[in-house]
């Protein structure tokens, strides 16, 4: 009887330990790779010479390297590299900076919005998964 009680106690402790680890309240998808993937929609690029590329059915692939994000555009549009984010509420990342030009990027699990200008070049995207 003691042996059975010990086994039941160990099983209960194991279940409680696993439950408390897997249900952590500190685990926000914004800290994970939830935003990595391909978003499809309208994309545009204007270079510093006035040249413009537009795609109504373009795509942006989001890649996370360390703490930075890279945005790989389709249709021969140059990539955005090394963008840092801060969390904005639950499940969303935002890059908002007016120091080096207009830099707004909002990303969540289902949509991506980019209005990013730097060195006379402008990238825009309004895309969904």
Protein backbone atom coordinates (compact mmCIF):
# COMPACT_ATOMS: atom_id res chain seq x y z
CA UNK A 1 0.00 0.00 0.00
CA UNK A 2 2.84 2.38 0.87
CA UNK A 3 4.50 1.61 -2.44
CA UNK A 4 1.32 2.41 -4.39
CA UNK A 5 0.87 5.67 -2.45
CA UNK A 6 4.47 6.66 -3.22
CA UNK A 7 4.02 5.97 -6.93
CA UNK A 8 0.76 7.98 -7.05
CA UNK A 9 2.44 10.87 -5.19
CA UNK A 10 5.38 10.89 -7.61
CA UNK A 11 3.05 10.86 -10.61
CA UNK A 12 1.04 13.78 -9.18
CA UNK A 13 4.22 15.79 -8.50
CA UNK A 14 5.43 15.10 -12.03
CA UNK A 15 2.12 16.27 -13.55
CA UNK A 16 2.15 19.47 -11.45
CA UNK A 17 5.77 20.20 -12.42
CA UNK A 18 5.09 19.73 -16.14
CA UNK A 19 1.92 21.84 -15.95
CA UNK A 20 3.65 24.74 -14.24
CA UNK A 21 6.53 24.76 -16.73
CA UNK A 22 4.38 24.54 -19.88
CA UNK A 23 1.86 27.18 -18.77
CA UNK A 24 4.27 29.99 -18.03
CA UNK A 25 2.59 33.42 -18.08
CA UNK A 26 5.88 35.00 -19.12
CA UNK A 27 5.90 33.23 -22.49
CA UNK A 28 4.76 35.91 -24.94
CA UNK A 29 4.71 35.02 -28.65
CA UNK A 30 6.41 38.37 -29.32
CA UNK A 31 9.53 36.84 -27.74
CA UNK A 32 9.41 33.82 -30.03
CA UNK A 33 9.65 33.36 -33.79
CA UNK A 34 5.91 33.86 -34.29
CA UNK A 35 6.50 36.67 -36.79
CA UNK A 36 8.99 34.78 -38.94
CA UNK A 37 7.52 33.77 -42.28
CA UNK A 38 6.13 35.18 -45.51
CA UNK A 39 3.54 37.94 -45.79
CA UNK A 40 1.85 38.69 -49.13
CA UNK A 41 0.34 41.95 -50.35
CA UNK A 42 1.23 45.36 -51.76
CA UNK A 43 4.91 46.33 -51.64
CA UNK A 44 6.72 49.38 -52.98
CA UNK A 45 10.29 50.68 -53.11
CA UNK A 46 11.49 54.14 -54.15
CA UNK A 47 15.25 54.69 -54.43
CA UNK A 48 17.08 57.98 -53.89
CA UNK A 49 17.11 58.65 -57.68
CA UNK A 50 13.31 58.50 -57.92
CA UNK A 51 13.20 54.99 -59.39
CA UNK A 52 10.13 53.08 -58.23
CA UNK A 53 9.23 49.39 -58.04
CA UNK A 54 5.73 48.27 -57.12
CA UNK A 55 4.10 44.86 -56.76
CA UNK A 56 0.42 44.37 -55.91
CA UNK A 57 0.97 40.67 -55.22
CA UNK A 58 4.46 40.89 -53.77
CA UNK A 59 5.82 39.17 -50.71
CA UNK A 60 7.99 40.00 -47.73
CA UNK A 61 9.79 37.21 -45.89
CA UNK A 62 10.61 38.03 -42.27
CA UNK A 63 13.78 36.46 -40.87
CA UNK A 64 15.01 36.76 -37.28
CA UNK A 65 18.74 36.67 -36.60
CA UNK A 66 19.63 37.11 -32.93
CA UNK A 67 17.61 40.10 -31.74
CA UNK A 68 17.30 41.75 -35.16
CA UNK A 69 14.89 41.19 -38.03
CA UNK A 70 15.55 41.11 -41.76
CA UNK A 71 12.89 41.75 -44.38
CA UNK A 72 13.45 40.04 -47.74
CA UNK A 73 11.28 41.59 -50.46
CA UNK A 74 10.23 39.96 -53.73
CA UNK A 75 10.26 41.61 -57.17
CA UNK A 76 13.90 42.76 -57.04
CA UNK A 77 13.27 45.17 -54.15
CA UNK A 78 16.32 45.53 -51.88
CA UNK A 79 16.10 43.93 -48.45
CA UNK A 80 15.81 45.76 -45.13
CA UNK A 81 18.47 44.48 -42.75
CA UNK A 82 19.13 44.63 -39.02
CA UNK A 83 15.88 46.19 -37.79
CA UNK A 84 15.36 46.16 -34.01
CA UNK A 85 11.95 46.10 -32.37
CA UNK A 86 10.25 46.72 -29.06
CA UNK A 87 7.15 44.91 -27.90
CA UNK A 88 3.90 46.87 -28.13
CA UNK A 89 1.36 45.19 -25.90
CA UNK A 90 0.69 41.51 -26.33
CA UNK A 91 1.69 39.67 -29.49
CA UNK A 92 2.93 42.67 -31.53
CA UNK A 93 6.29 44.19 -32.40
CA UNK A 94 6.77 47.84 -33.36
CA UNK A 95 9.71 49.79 -34.77
CA UNK A 96 8.92 53.50 -34.57
CA UNK A 97 11.75 55.99 -35.12
CA UNK A 98 11.74 59.51 -36.52
CA UNK A 99 15.41 60.26 -35.86
CA UNK A 100 16.81 58.85 -39.12
CA UNK A 101 13.70 59.45 -41.23
CA UNK A 102 10.25 57.94 -41.07
CA UNK A 103 10.62 54.38 -39.80
CA UNK A 104 7.40 52.59 -38.90
CA UNK A 105 7.11 48.80 -38.93
CA UNK A 106 4.23 46.99 -37.20
CA UNK A 107 4.13 43.23 -37.26
CA UNK A 108 1.92 40.60 -35.67
CA UNK A 109 1.08 36.99 -36.42
CA UNK A 110 -1.23 37.84 -39.33
CA UNK A 111 -0.18 41.21 -40.77
CA UNK A 112 2.82 43.36 -41.64
CA UNK A 113 2.86 47.13 -42.20
CA UNK A 114 6.04 48.92 -43.30
CA UNK A 115 6.58 52.63 -43.99
CA UNK A 116 10.36 52.88 -43.73
CA UNK A 117 12.60 55.65 -45.11
CA UNK A 118 16.36 55.79 -44.77
CA UNK A 119 19.12 57.46 -46.81
CA UNK A 120 16.59 58.76 -49.35
CA UNK A 121 15.13 55.28 -49.97
CA UNK A 122 11.59 54.25 -49.00
CA UNK A 123 10.11 50.77 -48.48
CA UNK A 124 6.38 50.23 -47.97
CA UNK A 125 4.38 47.09 -47.42
CA UNK A 126 0.83 46.26 -46.44
CA UNK A 127 0.71 42.48 -46.32
CA UNK A 128 -1.04 39.57 -44.65
CA UNK A 129 -0.36 35.87 -44.14
